[in-house]
Amino acid sequence: ILASARSLYRAFLDAEMMANWRAPE
């Protein structure tokens, strides 16, 4: 993924962000 580990790790620390990316199609 064209992002830093810091940005990616933060996506696991925010419930709203996680809800946006975790669900499969």
PDBML (XML) file of the C-alpha atoms, coordinates in Angstrom:
<?xml version="1.0" encoding="UTF-8" ?>
<PDBx:datablock datablockName="MODEL"
   xmlns:PDBx="http://pdbml.pdb.org/schema/pdbx-v50.xsd"
   xmlns:xsi="http://www.w3.org/2001/XMLSchema-instance"
   xsi:schemaLocation="http://pdbml.pdb.org/schema/pdbx-v50.xsd pdbx-v50.xsd">
   <PDBx:atom_siteCategory>
      <PDBx:atom_site id="1">
         <PDBx:B_iso_or_equiv>0.00</PDBx:B_iso_or_equiv>
         <PDBx:Cartn_x>0.000</PDBx:Cartn_x>
         <PDBx:Cartn_y>0.000</PDBx:Cartn_y>
         <PDBx:Cartn_z>0.000</PDBx:Cartn_z>
         <PDBx:auth_asym_id>A</PDBx:auth_asym_id>
         <PDBx:auth_atom_id>CA</PDBx:auth_atom_id>
         <PDBx:auth_comp_id>ILE</PDBx:auth_comp_id>
         <PDBx:auth_seq_id>1</PDBx:auth_seq_id>
         <PDBx:group_PDB>ATOM</PDBx:group_PDB>
         <PDBx:label_alt_id xsi:nil="true" />
         <PDBx:label_asym_id>A</PDBx:label_asym_id>
         <PDBx:label_atom_id>CA</PDBx:label_atom_id>
         <PDBx:label_comp_id>ILE</PDBx:label_comp_id>
         <PDBx:label_entity_id>1</PDBx:label_entity_id>
         <PDBx:label_seq_id>1</PDBx:label_seq_id>
         <PDBx:occupancy>1.00</PDBx:occupancy>
         <PDBx:pdbx_PDB_model_num>1</PDBx:pdbx_PDB_model_num>
         <PDBx:type_symbol>C</PDBx:type_symbol>
      </PDBx:atom_site>
      <PDBx:atom_site id="2">
         <PDBx:B_iso_or_equiv>0.00</PDBx:B_iso_or_equiv>
         <PDBx:Cartn_x>1.360</PDBx:Cartn_x>
         <PDBx:Cartn_y>3.393</PDBx:Cartn_y>
         <PDBx:Cartn_z>-1.003</PDBx:Cartn_z>
         <PDBx:auth_asym_id>A</PDBx:auth_asym_id>
         <PDBx:auth_atom_id>CA</PDBx:auth_atom_id>
         <PDBx:auth_comp_id>LEU</PDBx:auth_comp_id>
         <PDBx:auth_seq_id>2</PDBx:auth_seq_id>
         <PDBx:group_PDB>ATOM</PDBx:group_PDB>
         <PDBx:label_alt_id xsi:nil="true" />
         <PDBx:label_asym_id>A</PDBx:label_asym_id>
         <PDBx:label_atom_id>CA</PDBx:label_atom_id>
         <PDBx:label_comp_id>LEU</PDBx:label_comp_id>
         <PDBx:label_entity_id>1</PDBx:label_entity_id>
         <PDBx:label_seq_id>2</PDBx:label_seq_id>
         <PDBx:occupancy>1.00</PDBx:occupancy>
         <PDBx:pdbx_PDB_model_num>1</PDBx:pdbx_PDB_model_num>
         <PDBx:type_symbol>C</PDBx:type_symbol>
      </PDBx:atom_site>
      <PDBx:atom_site id="3">
         <PDBx:B_iso_or_equiv>0.00</PDBx:B_iso_or_equiv>
         <PDBx:Cartn_x>1.203</PDBx:Cartn_x>
         <PDBx:Cartn_y>4.780</PDBx:Cartn_y>
         <PDBx:Cartn_z>2.526</PDBx:Cartn_z>
         <PDBx:auth_asym_id>A</PDBx:auth_asym_id>
         <PDBx:auth_atom_id>CA</PDBx:auth_atom_id>
         <PDBx:auth_comp_id>ALA</PDBx:auth_comp_id>
         <PDBx:auth_seq_id>3</PDBx:auth_seq_id>
         <PDBx:group_PDB>ATOM</PDBx:group_PDB>
         <PDBx:label_alt_id xsi:nil="true" />
         <PDBx:label_asym_id>A</PDBx:label_asym_id>
         <PDBx:label_atom_id>CA</PDBx:label_atom_id>
         <PDBx:label_comp_id>ALA</PDBx:label_comp_id>
         <PDBx:label_entity_id>1</PDBx:label_entity_id>
         <PDBx:label_seq_id>3</PDBx:label_seq_id>
         <PDBx:occupancy>1.00</PDBx:occupancy>
         <PDBx:pdbx_PDB_model_num>1</PDBx:pdbx_PDB_model_num>
         <PDBx:type_symbol>C</PDBx:type_symbol>
      </PDBx:atom_site>
      <PDBx:atom_site id="4">
         <PDBx:B_iso_or_equiv>0.00</PDBx:B_iso_or_equiv>
         <PDBx:Cartn_x>3.426</PDBx:Cartn_x>
         <PDBx:Cartn_y>4.913</PDBx:Cartn_y>
         <PDBx:Cartn_z>5.572</PDBx:Cartn_z>
         <PDBx:auth_asym_id>A</PDBx:auth_asym_id>
         <PDBx:auth_atom_id>CA</PDBx:auth_atom_id>
         <PDBx:auth_comp_id>SER</PDBx:auth_comp_id>
         <PDBx:auth_seq_id>4</PDBx:auth_seq_id>
         <PDBx:group_PDB>ATOM</PDBx:group_PDB>
         <PDBx:label_alt_id xsi:nil="true" />
         <PDBx:label_asym_id>A</PDBx:label_asym_id>
         <PDBx:label_atom_id>CA</PDBx:label_atom_id>
         <PDBx:label_comp_id>SER</PDBx:label_comp_id>
         <PDBx:label_entity_id>1</PDBx:label_entity_id>
         <PDBx:label_seq_id>4</PDBx:label_seq_id>
         <PDBx:occupancy>1.00</PDBx:occupancy>
         <PDBx:pdbx_PDB_model_num>1</PDBx:pdbx_PDB_model_num>
         <PDBx:type_symbol>C</PDBx:type_symbol>
      </PDBx:atom_site>
      <PDBx:atom_site id="5">
         <PDBx:B_iso_or_equiv>0.00</PDBx:B_iso_or_equiv>
         <PDBx:Cartn_x>3.219</PDBx:Cartn_x>
         <PDBx:Cartn_y>2.281</PDBx:Cartn_y>
         <PDBx:Cartn_z>8.295</PDBx:Cartn_z>
         <PDBx:auth_asym_id>A</PDBx:auth_asym_id>
         <PDBx:auth_atom_id>CA</PDBx:auth_atom_id>
         <PDBx:auth_comp_id>ALA</PDBx:auth_comp_id>
         <PDBx:auth_seq_id>5</PDBx:auth_seq_id>
         <PDBx:group_PDB>ATOM</PDBx:group_PDB>
         <PDBx:label_alt_id xsi:nil="true" />
         <PDBx:label_asym_id>A</PDBx:label_asym_id>
         <PDBx:label_atom_id>CA</PDBx:label_atom_id>
         <PDBx:label_comp_id>ALA</PDBx:label_comp_id>
         <PDBx:label_entity_id>1</PDBx:label_entity_id>
         <PDBx:label_seq_id>5</PDBx:label_seq_id>
         <PDBx:occupancy>1.00</PDBx:occupancy>
         <PDBx:pdbx_PDB_model_num>1</PDBx:pdbx_PDB_model_num>
         <PDBx:type_symbol>C</PDBx:type_symbol>
      </PDBx:atom_site>
      <PDBx:atom_site id="6">
         <PDBx:B_iso_or_equiv>0.00</PDBx:B_iso_or_equiv>
         <PDBx:Cartn_x>2.165</PDBx:Cartn_x>
         <PDBx:Cartn_y>5.112</PDBx:Cartn_y>
         <PDBx:Cartn_z>10.611</PDBx:Cartn_z>
         <PDBx:auth_asym_id>A</PDBx:auth_asym_id>
         <PDBx:auth_atom_id>CA</PDBx:auth_atom_id>
         <PDBx:auth_comp_id>ARG</PDBx:auth_comp_id>
         <PDBx:auth_seq_id>6</PDBx:auth_seq_id>
         <PDBx:group_PDB>ATOM</PDBx:group_PDB>
         <PDBx:label_alt_id xsi:nil="true" />
         <PDBx:label_asym_id>A</PDBx:label_asym_id>
         <PDBx:label_atom_id>CA</PDBx:label_atom_id>
         <PDBx:label_comp_id>ARG</PDBx:label_comp_id>
         <PDBx:label_entity_id>1</PDBx:label_entity_id>
         <PDBx:label_seq_id>6</PDBx:label_seq_id>
         <PDBx:occupancy>1.00</PDBx:occupancy>
         <PDBx:pdbx_PDB_model_num>1</PDBx:pdbx_PDB_model_num>
         <PDBx:type_symbol>C</PDBx:type_symbol>
      </PDBx:atom_site>
      <PDBx:atom_site id="7">
         <PDBx:B_iso_or_equiv>0.00</PDBx:B_iso_or_equiv>
         <PDBx:Cartn_x>-0.897</PDBx:Cartn_x>
         <PDBx:Cartn_y>5.977</PDBx:Cartn_y>
         <PDBx:Cartn_z>8.476</PDBx:Cartn_z>
         <PDBx:auth_asym_id>A</PDBx:auth_asym_id>
         <PDBx:auth_atom_id>CA</PDBx:auth_atom_id>
         <PDBx:auth_comp_id>SER</PDBx:auth_comp_id>
         <PDBx:auth_seq_id>7</PDBx:auth_seq_id>
         <PDBx:group_PDB>ATOM</PDBx:group_PDB>
         <PDBx:label_alt_id xsi:nil="true" />
         <PDBx:label_asym_id>A</PDBx:label_asym_id>
         <PDBx:label_atom_id>CA</PDBx:label_atom_id>
         <PDBx:label_comp_id>SER</PDBx:label_comp_id>
         <PDBx:label_entity_id>1</PDBx:label_entity_id>
         <PDBx:label_seq_id>7</PDBx:label_seq_id>
         <PDBx:occupancy>1.00</PDBx:occupancy>
         <PDBx:pdbx_PDB_model_num>1</PDBx:pdbx_PDB_model_num>
         <PDBx:type_symbol>C</PDBx:type_symbol>
      </PDBx:atom_site>
      <PDBx:atom_site id="8">
         <PDBx:B_iso_or_equiv>0.00</PDBx:B_iso_or_equiv>
         <PDBx:Cartn_x>-1.831</PDBx:Cartn_x>
         <PDBx:Cartn_y>2.331</PDBx:Cartn_y>
         <PDBx:Cartn_z>8.107</PDBx:Cartn_z>
         <PDBx:auth_asym_id>A</PDBx:auth_asym_id>
         <PDBx:auth_atom_id>CA</PDBx:auth_atom_id>
         <PDBx:auth_comp_id>LEU</PDBx:auth_comp_id>
         <PDBx:auth_seq_id>8</PDBx:auth_seq_id>
         <PDBx:group_PDB>ATOM</PDBx:group_PDB>
         <PDBx:label_alt_id xsi:nil="true" />
         <PDBx:label_asym_id>A</PDBx:label_asym_id>
         <PDBx:label_atom_id>CA</PDBx:label_atom_id>
         <PDBx:label_comp_id>LEU</PDBx:label_comp_id>
         <PDBx:label_entity_id>1</PDBx:label_entity_id>
         <PDBx:label_seq_id>8</PDBx:label_seq_id>
         <PDBx:occupancy>1.00</PDBx:occupancy>
         <PDBx:pdbx_PDB_model_num>1</PDBx:pdbx_PDB_model_num>
         <PDBx:type_symbol>C</PDBx:type_symbol>
      </PDBx:atom_site>
      <PDBx:atom_site id="9">
         <PDBx:B_iso_or_equiv>0.00</PDBx:B_iso_or_equiv>
         <PDBx:Cartn_x>-1.445</PDBx:Cartn_x>
         <PDBx:Cartn_y>1.578</PDBx:Cartn_y>
         <PDBx:Cartn_z>11.811</PDBx:Cartn_z>
         <PDBx:auth_asym_id>A</PDBx:auth_asym_id>
         <PDBx:auth_atom_id>CA</PDBx:auth_atom_id>
         <PDBx:auth_comp_id>TYR</PDBx:auth_comp_id>
         <PDBx:auth_seq_id>9</PDBx:auth_seq_id>
         <PDBx:group_PDB>ATOM</PDBx:group_PDB>
         <PDBx:label_alt_id xsi:nil="true" />
         <PDBx:label_asym_id>A</PDBx:label_asym_id>
         <PDBx:label_atom_id>CA</PDBx:label_atom_id>
         <PDBx:label_comp_id>TYR</PDBx:label_comp_id>
         <PDBx:label_entity_id>1</PDBx:label_entity_id>
         <PDBx:label_seq_id>9</PDBx:label_seq_id>
         <PDBx:occupancy>1.00</PDBx:occupancy>
         <PDBx:pdbx_PDB_model_num>1</PDBx:pdbx_PDB_model_num>
         <PDBx:type_symbol>C</PDBx:type_symbol>
      </PDBx:atom_site>
      <PDBx:atom_site id="10">
         <PDBx:B_iso_or_equiv>0.00</PDBx:B_iso_or_equiv>
         <PDBx:Cartn_x>-3.687</PDBx:Cartn_x>
         <PDBx:Cartn_y>4.560</PDBx:Cartn_y>
         <PDBx:Cartn_z>12.617</PDBx:Cartn_z>
         <PDBx:auth_asym_id>A</PDBx:auth_asym_id>
         <PDBx:auth_atom_id>CA</PDBx:auth_atom_id>
         <PDBx:auth_comp_id>ARG</PDBx:auth_comp_id>
         <PDBx:auth_seq_id>10</PDBx:auth_seq_id>
         <PDBx:group_PDB>ATOM</PDBx:group_PDB>
         <PDBx:label_alt_id xsi:nil="true" />
         <PDBx:label_asym_id>A</PDBx:label_asym_id>
         <PDBx:label_atom_id>CA</PDBx:label_atom_id>
         <PDBx:label_comp_id>ARG</PDBx:label_comp_id>
         <PDBx:label_entity_id>1</PDBx:label_entity_id>
         <PDBx:label_seq_id>10</PDBx:label_seq_id>
         <PDBx:occupancy>1.00</PDBx:occupancy>
         <PDBx:pdbx_PDB_model_num>1</PDBx:pdbx_PDB_model_num>
         <PDBx:type_symbol>C</PDBx:type_symbol>
      </PDBx:atom_site>
      <PDBx:atom_site id="11">
         <PDBx:B_iso_or_equiv>0.00</PDBx:B_iso_or_equiv>
         <PDBx:Cartn_x>-6.444</PDBx:Cartn_x>
         <PDBx:Cartn_y>3.013</PDBx:Cartn_y>
         <PDBx:Cartn_z>10.488</PDBx:Cartn_z>
         <PDBx:auth_asym_id>A</PDBx:auth_asym_id>
         <PDBx:auth_atom_id>CA</PDBx:auth_atom_id>
         <PDBx:auth_comp_id>ALA</PDBx:auth_comp_id>
         <PDBx:auth_seq_id>11</PDBx:auth_seq_id>
         <PDBx:group_PDB>ATOM</PDBx:group_PDB>
         <PDBx:label_alt_id xsi:nil="true" />
         <PDBx:label_asym_id>A</PDBx:label_asym_id>
         <PDBx:label_atom_id>CA</PDBx:label_atom_id>
         <PDBx:label_comp_id>ALA</PDBx:label_comp_id>
         <PDBx:label_entity_id>1</PDBx:label_entity_id>
         <PDBx:label_seq_id>11</PDBx:label_seq_id>
         <PDBx:occupancy>1.00</PDBx:occupancy>
         <PDBx:pdbx_PDB_model_num>1</PDBx:pdbx_PDB_model_num>
         <PDBx:type_symbol>C</PDBx:type_symbol>
      </PDBx:atom_site>
      <PDBx:atom_site id="12">
         <PDBx:B_iso_or_equiv>0.00</PDBx:B_iso_or_equiv>
         <PDBx:Cartn_x>-6.618</PDBx:Cartn_x>
         <PDBx:Cartn_y>0.303</PDBx:Cartn_y>
         <PDBx:Cartn_z>13.174</PDBx:Cartn_z>
         <PDBx:auth_asym_id>A</PDBx:auth_asym_id>
         <PDBx:auth_atom_id>CA</PDBx:auth_atom_id>
         <PDBx:auth_comp_id>PHE</PDBx:auth_comp_id>
         <PDBx:auth_seq_id>12</PDBx:auth_seq_id>
         <PDBx:group_PDB>ATOM</PDBx:group_PDB>
         <PDBx:label_alt_id xsi:nil="true" />
         <PDBx:label_asym_id>A</PDBx:label_asym_id>
         <PDBx:label_atom_id>CA</PDBx:label_atom_id>
         <PDBx:label_comp_id>PHE</PDBx:label_comp_id>
         <PDBx:label_entity_id>1</PDBx:label_entity_id>
         <PDBx:label_seq_id>12</PDBx:label_seq_id>
         <PDBx:occupancy>1.00</PDBx:occupancy>
         <PDBx:pdbx_PDB_model_num>1</PDBx:pdbx_PDB_model_num>
         <PDBx:type_symbol>C</PDBx:type_symbol>
      </PDBx:atom_site>
      <PDBx:atom_site id="13">
         <PDBx:B_iso_or_equiv>0.00</PDBx:B_iso_or_equiv>
         <PDBx:Cartn_x>-6.923</PDBx:Cartn_x>
         <PDBx:Cartn_y>2.861</PDBx:Cartn_y>
         <PDBx:Cartn_z>15.997</PDBx:Cartn_z>
         <PDBx:auth_asym_id>A</PDBx:auth_asym_id>
         <PDBx:auth_atom_id>CA</PDBx:auth_atom_id>
         <PDBx:auth_comp_id>LEU</PDBx:auth_comp_id>
         <PDBx:auth_seq_id>13</PDBx:auth_seq_id>
         <PDBx:group_PDB>ATOM</PDBx:group_PDB>
         <PDBx:label_alt_id xsi:nil="true" />
         <PDBx:label_asym_id>A</PDBx:label_asym_id>
         <PDBx:label_atom_id>CA</PDBx:label_atom_id>
         <PDBx:label_comp_id>LEU</PDBx:label_comp_id>
         <PDBx:label_entity_id>1</PDBx:label_entity_id>
         <PDBx:label_seq_id>13</PDBx:label_seq_id>
         <PDBx:occupancy>1.00</PDBx:occupancy>
         <PDBx:pdbx_PDB_model_num>1</PDBx:pdbx_PDB_model_num>
         <PDBx:type_symbol>C</PDBx:type_symbol>
      </PDBx:atom_site>
      <PDBx:atom_site id="14">
         <PDBx:B_iso_or_equiv>0.00</PDBx:B_iso_or_equiv>
         <PDBx:Cartn_x>-10.094</PDBx:Cartn_x>
         <PDBx:Cartn_y>4.603</PDBx:Cartn_y>
         <PDBx:Cartn_z>14.827</PDBx:Cartn_z>
         <PDBx:auth_asym_id>A</PDBx:auth_asym_id>
         <PDBx:auth_atom_id>CA</PDBx:auth_atom_id>
         <PDBx:auth_comp_id>ASP</PDBx:auth_comp_id>
         <PDBx:auth_seq_id>14</PDBx:auth_seq_id>
         <PDBx:group_PDB>ATOM</PDBx:group_PDB>
         <PDBx:label_alt_id xsi:nil="true" />
         <PDBx:label_asym_id>A</PDBx:label_asym_id>
         <PDBx:label_atom_id>CA</PDBx:label_atom_id>
         <PDBx:label_comp_id>ASP</PDBx:label_comp_id>
         <PDBx:label_entity_id>1</PDBx:label_entity_id>
         <PDBx:label_seq_id>14</PDBx:label_seq_id>
         <PDBx:occupancy>1.00</PDBx:occupancy>
         <PDBx:pdbx_PDB_model_num>1</PDBx:pdbx_PDB_model_num>
         <PDBx:type_symbol>C</PDBx:type_symbol>
      </PDBx:atom_site>
      <PDBx:atom_site id="15">
         <PDBx:B_iso_or_equiv>0.00</PDBx:B_iso_or_equiv>
         <PDBx:Cartn_x>-13.456</PDBx:Cartn_x>
         <PDBx:Cartn_y>2.794</PDBx:Cartn_y>
         <PDBx:Cartn_z>14.948</PDBx:Cartn_z>
         <PDBx:auth_asym_id>A</PDBx:auth_asym_id>
         <PDBx:auth_atom_id>CA</PDBx:auth_atom_id>
         <PDBx:auth_comp_id>ALA</PDBx:auth_comp_id>
         <PDBx:auth_seq_id>15</PDBx:auth_seq_id>
         <PDBx:group_PDB>ATOM</PDBx:group_PDB>
         <PDBx:label_alt_id xsi:nil="true" />
         <PDBx:label_asym_id>A</PDBx:label_asym_id>
         <PDBx:label_atom_id>CA</PDBx:label_atom_id>
         <PDBx:label_comp_id>ALA</PDBx:label_comp_id>
         <PDBx:label_entity_id>1</PDBx:label_entity_id>
         <PDBx:label_seq_id>15</PDBx:label_seq_id>
         <PDBx:occupancy>1.00</PDBx:occupancy>
         <PDBx:pdbx_PDB_model_num>1</PDBx:pdbx_PDB_model_num>
         <PDBx:type_symbol>C</PDBx:type_symbol>
      </PDBx:atom_site>
      <PDBx:atom_site id="16">
         <PDBx:B_iso_or_equiv>0.00</PDBx:B_iso_or_equiv>
         <PDBx:Cartn_x>-14.965</PDBx:Cartn_x>
         <PDBx:Cartn_y>4.826</PDBx:Cartn_y>
         <PDBx:Cartn_z>12.096</PDBx:Cartn_z>
         <PDBx:auth_asym_id>A</PDBx:auth_asym_id>
         <PDBx:auth_atom_id>CA</PDBx:auth_atom_id>
         <PDBx:auth_comp_id>GLU</PDBx:auth_comp_id>
         <PDBx:auth_seq_id>16</PDBx:auth_seq_id>
         <PDBx:group_PDB>ATOM</PDBx:group_PDB>
         <PDBx:label_alt_id xsi:nil="true" />
         <PDBx:label_asym_id>A</PDBx:label_asym_id>
         <PDBx:label_atom_id>CA</PDBx:label_atom_id>
         <PDBx:label_comp_id>GLU</PDBx:label_comp_id>
         <PDBx:label_entity_id>1</PDBx:label_entity_id>
         <PDBx:label_seq_id>16</PDBx:label_seq_id>
         <PDBx:occupancy>1.00</PDBx:occupancy>
         <PDBx:pdbx_PDB_model_num>1</PDBx:pdbx_PDB_model_num>
         <PDBx:type_symbol>C</PDBx:type_symbol>
      </PDBx:atom_site>
      <PDBx:atom_site id="17">
         <PDBx:B_iso_or_equiv>0.00</PDBx:B_iso_or_equiv>
         <PDBx:Cartn_x>-11.961</PDBx:Cartn_x>
         <PDBx:Cartn_y>4.249</PDBx:Cartn_y>
         <PDBx:Cartn_z>9.850</PDBx:Cartn_z>
         <PDBx:auth_asym_id>A</PDBx:auth_asym_id>
         <PDBx:auth_atom_id>CA</PDBx:auth_atom_id>
         <PDBx:auth_comp_id>MET</PDBx:auth_comp_id>
         <PDBx:auth_seq_id>17</PDBx:auth_seq_id>
         <PDBx:group_PDB>ATOM</PDBx:group_PDB>
         <PDBx:label_alt_id xsi:nil="true" />
         <PDBx:label_asym_id>A</PDBx:label_asym_id>
         <PDBx:label_atom_id>CA</PDBx:label_atom_id>
         <PDBx:label_comp_id>MET</PDBx:label_comp_id>
         <PDBx:label_entity_id>1</PDBx:label_entity_id>
         <PDBx:label_seq_id>17</PDBx:label_seq_id>
         <PDBx:occupancy>1.00</PDBx:occupancy>
         <PDBx:pdbx_PDB_model_num>1</PDBx:pdbx_PDB_model_num>
         <PDBx:type_symbol>C</PDBx:type_symbol>
      </PDBx:atom_site>
      <PDBx:atom_site id="18">
         <PDBx:B_iso_or_equiv>0.00</PDBx:B_iso_or_equiv>
         <PDBx:Cartn_x>-11.978</PDBx:Cartn_x>
         <PDBx:Cartn_y>0.536</PDBx:Cartn_y>
         <PDBx:Cartn_z>10.651</PDBx:Cartn_z>
         <PDBx:auth_asym_id>A</PDBx:auth_asym_id>
         <PDBx:auth_atom_id>CA</PDBx:auth_atom_id>
         <PDBx:auth_comp_id>MET</PDBx:auth_comp_id>
         <PDBx:auth_seq_id>18</PDBx:auth_seq_id>
         <PDBx:group_PDB>ATOM</PDBx:group_PDB>
         <PDBx:label_alt_id xsi:nil="true" />
         <PDBx:label_asym_id>A</PDBx:label_asym_id>
         <PDBx:label_atom_id>CA</PDBx:label_atom_id>
         <PDBx:label_comp_id>MET</PDBx:label_comp_id>
         <PDBx:label_entity_id>1</PDBx:label_entity_id>
         <PDBx:label_seq_id>18</PDBx:label_seq_id>
         <PDBx:occupancy>1.00</PDBx:occupancy>
         <PDBx:pdbx_PDB_model_num>1</PDBx:pdbx_PDB_model_num>
         <PDBx:type_symbol>C</PDBx:type_symbol>
      </PDBx:atom_site>
      <PDBx:atom_site id="19">
         <PDBx:B_iso_or_equiv>0.00</PDBx:B_iso_or_equiv>
         <PDBx:Cartn_x>-15.676</PDBx:Cartn_x>
         <PDBx:Cartn_y>0.273</PDBx:Cartn_y>
         <PDBx:Cartn_z>9.815</PDBx:Cartn_z>
         <PDBx:auth_asym_id>A</PDBx:auth_asym_id>
         <PDBx:auth_atom_id>CA</PDBx:auth_atom_id>
         <PDBx:auth_comp_id>ALA</PDBx:auth_comp_id>
         <PDBx:auth_seq_id>19</PDBx:auth_seq_id>
         <PDBx:group_PDB>ATOM</PDBx:group_PDB>
         <PDBx:label_alt_id xsi:nil="true" />
         <PDBx:label_asym_id>A</PDBx:label_asym_id>
         <PDBx:label_atom_id>CA</PDBx:label_atom_id>
         <PDBx:label_comp_id>ALA</PDBx:label_comp_id>
         <PDBx:label_entity_id>1</PDBx:label_entity_id>
         <PDBx:label_seq_id>19</PDBx:label_seq_id>
         <PDBx:occupancy>1.00</PDBx:occupancy>
         <PDBx:pdbx_PDB_model_num>1</PDBx:pdbx_PDB_model_num>
         <PDBx:type_symbol>C</PDBx:type_symbol>
      </PDBx:atom_site>
      <PDBx:atom_site id="20">
         <PDBx:B_iso_or_equiv>0.00</PDBx:B_iso_or_equiv>
         <PDBx:Cartn_x>-14.925</PDBx:Cartn_x>
         <PDBx:Cartn_y>1.888</PDBx:Cartn_y>
         <PDBx:Cartn_z>6.445</PDBx:Cartn_z>
         <PDBx:auth_asym_id>A</PDBx:auth_asym_id>
         <PDBx:auth_atom_id>CA</PDBx:auth_atom_id>
         <PDBx:auth_comp_id>ASN</PDBx:auth_comp_id>
         <PDBx:auth_seq_id>20</PDBx:auth_seq_id>
         <PDBx:group_PDB>ATOM</PDBx:group_PDB>
         <PDBx:label_alt_id xsi:nil="true" />
         <PDBx:label_asym_id>A</PDBx:label_asym_id>
         <PDBx:label_atom_id>CA</PDBx:label_atom_id>
         <PDBx:label_comp_id>ASN</PDBx:label_comp_id>
         <PDBx:label_entity_id>1</PDBx:label_entity_id>
         <PDBx:label_seq_id>20</PDBx:label_seq_id>
         <PDBx:occupancy>1.00</PDBx:occupancy>
         <PDBx:pdbx_PDB_model_num>1</PDBx:pdbx_PDB_model_num>
         <PDBx:type_symbol>C</PDBx:type_symbol>
      </PDBx:atom_site>
      <PDBx:atom_site id="21">
         <PDBx:B_iso_or_equiv>0.00</PDBx:B_iso_or_equiv>
         <PDBx:Cartn_x>-12.164</PDBx:Cartn_x>
         <PDBx:Cartn_y>-0.479</PDBx:Cartn_y>
         <PDBx:Cartn_z>5.359</PDBx:Cartn_z>
         <PDBx:auth_asym_id>A</PDBx:auth_asym_id>
         <PDBx:auth_atom_id>CA</PDBx:auth_atom_id>
         <PDBx:auth_comp_id>TRP</PDBx:auth_comp_id>
         <PDBx:auth_seq_id>21</PDBx:auth_seq_id>
         <PDBx:group_PDB>ATOM</PDBx:group_PDB>
         <PDBx:label_alt_id xsi:nil="true" />
         <PDBx:label_asym_id>A</PDBx:label_asym_id>
         <PDBx:label_atom_id>CA</PDBx:label_atom_id>
         <PDBx:label_comp_id>TRP</PDBx:label_comp_id>
         <PDBx:label_entity_id>1</PDBx:label_entity_id>
         <PDBx:label_seq_id>21</PDBx:label_seq_id>
         <PDBx:occupancy>1.00</PDBx:occupancy>
         <PDBx:pdbx_PDB_model_num>1</PDBx:pdbx_PDB_model_num>
         <PDBx:type_symbol>C</PDBx:type_symbol>
      </PDBx:atom_site>
      <PDBx:atom_site id="22">
         <PDBx:B_iso_or_equiv>0.00</PDBx:B_iso_or_equiv>
         <PDBx:Cartn_x>-12.665</PDBx:Cartn_x>
         <PDBx:Cartn_y>-3.789</PDBx:Cartn_y>
         <PDBx:Cartn_z>7.173</PDBx:Cartn_z>
         <PDBx:auth_asym_id>A</PDBx:auth_asym_id>
         <PDBx:auth_atom_id>CA</PDBx:auth_atom_id>
         <PDBx:auth_comp_id>ARG</PDBx:auth_comp_id>
         <PDBx:auth_seq_id>22</PDBx:auth_seq_id>
         <PDBx:group_PDB>ATOM</PDBx:group_PDB>
         <PDBx:label_alt_id xsi:nil="true" />
         <PDBx:label_asym_id>A</PDBx:label_asym_id>
         <PDBx:label_atom_id>CA</PDBx:label_atom_id>
         <PDBx:label_comp_id>ARG</PDBx:label_comp_id>
         <PDBx:label_entity_id>1</PDBx:label_entity_id>
         <PDBx:label_seq_id>22</PDBx:label_seq_id>
         <PDBx:occupancy>1.00</PDBx:occupancy>
         <PDBx:pdbx_PDB_model_num>1</PDBx:pdbx_PDB_model_num>
         <PDBx:type_symbol>C</PDBx:type_symbol>
      </PDBx:atom_site>
      <PDBx:atom_site id="23">
         <PDBx:B_iso_or_equiv>0.00</PDBx:B_iso_or_equiv>
         <PDBx:Cartn_x>-15.924</PDBx:Cartn_x>
         <PDBx:Cartn_y>-4.909</PDBx:Cartn_y>
         <PDBx:Cartn_z>5.561</PDBx:Cartn_z>
         <PDBx:auth_asym_id>A</PDBx:auth_asym_id>
         <PDBx:auth_atom_id>CA</PDBx:auth_atom_id>
         <PDBx:auth_comp_id>ALA</PDBx:auth_comp_id>
         <PDBx:auth_seq_id>23</PDBx:auth_seq_id>
         <PDBx:group_PDB>ATOM</PDBx:group_PDB>
         <PDBx:label_alt_id xsi:nil="true" />
         <PDBx:label_asym_id>A</PDBx:label_asym_id>
         <PDBx:label_atom_id>CA</PDBx:label_atom_id>
         <PDBx:label_comp_id>ALA</PDBx:label_comp_id>
         <PDBx:label_entity_id>1</PDBx:label_entity_id>
         <PDBx:label_seq_id>23</PDBx:label_seq_id>
         <PDBx:occupancy>1.00</PDBx:occupancy>
         <PDBx:pdbx_PDB_model_num>1</PDBx:pdbx_PDB_model_num>
         <PDBx:type_symbol>C</PDBx:type_symbol>
      </PDBx:atom_site>
      <PDBx:atom_site id="24">
         <PDBx:B_iso_or_equiv>0.00</PDBx:B_iso_or_equiv>
         <PDBx:Cartn_x>-15.479</PDBx:Cartn_x>
         <PDBx:Cartn_y>-6.934</PDBx:Cartn_y>
         <PDBx:Cartn_z>2.372</PDBx:Cartn_z>
         <PDBx:auth_asym_id>A</PDBx:auth_asym_id>
         <PDBx:auth_atom_id>CA</PDBx:auth_atom_id>
         <PDBx:auth_comp_id>PRO</PDBx:auth_comp_id>
         <PDBx:auth_seq_id>24</PDBx:auth_seq_id>
         <PDBx:group_PDB>ATOM</PDBx:group_PDB>
         <PDBx:label_alt_id xsi:nil="true" />
         <PDBx:label_asym_id>A</PDBx:label_asym_id>
         <PDBx:label_atom_id>CA</PDBx:label_atom_id>
         <PDBx:label_comp_id>PRO</PDBx:label_comp_id>
         <PDBx:label_entity_id>1</PDBx:label_entity_id>
         <PDBx:label_seq_id>24</PDBx:label_seq_id>
         <PDBx:occupancy>1.00</PDBx:occupancy>
         <PDBx:pdbx_PDB_model_num>1</PDBx:pdbx_PDB_model_num>
         <PDBx:type_symbol>C</PDBx:type_symbol>
      </PDBx:atom_site>
      <PDBx:atom_site id="25">
         <PDBx:B_iso_or_equiv>0.00</PDBx:B_iso_or_equiv>
         <PDBx:Cartn_x>-17.423</PDBx:Cartn_x>
         <PDBx:Cartn_y>-6.132</PDBx:Cartn_y>
         <PDBx:Cartn_z>-0.788</PDBx:Cartn_z>
         <PDBx:auth_asym_id>A</PDBx:auth_asym_id>
         <PDBx:auth_atom_id>CA</PDBx:auth_atom_id>
         <PDBx:auth_comp_id>GLU</PDBx:auth_comp_id>
         <PDBx:auth_seq_id>25</PDBx:auth_seq_id>
         <PDBx:group_PDB>ATOM</PDBx:group_PDB>
         <PDBx:label_alt_id xsi:nil="true" />
         <PDBx:label_asym_id>A</PDBx:label_asym_id>
         <PDBx:label_atom_id>CA</PDBx:label_atom_id>
         <PDBx:label_comp_id>GLU</PDBx:label_comp_id>
         <PDBx:label_entity_id>1</PDBx:label_entity_id>
         <PDBx:label_seq_id>25</PDBx:label_seq_id>
         <PDBx:occupancy>1.00</PDBx:occupancy>
         <PDBx:pdbx_PDB_model_num>1</PDBx:pdbx_PDB_model_num>
         <PDBx:type_symbol>C</PDBx:type_symbol>
      </PDBx:atom_site>
   </PDBx:atom_siteCategory>
</PDBx:datablock>
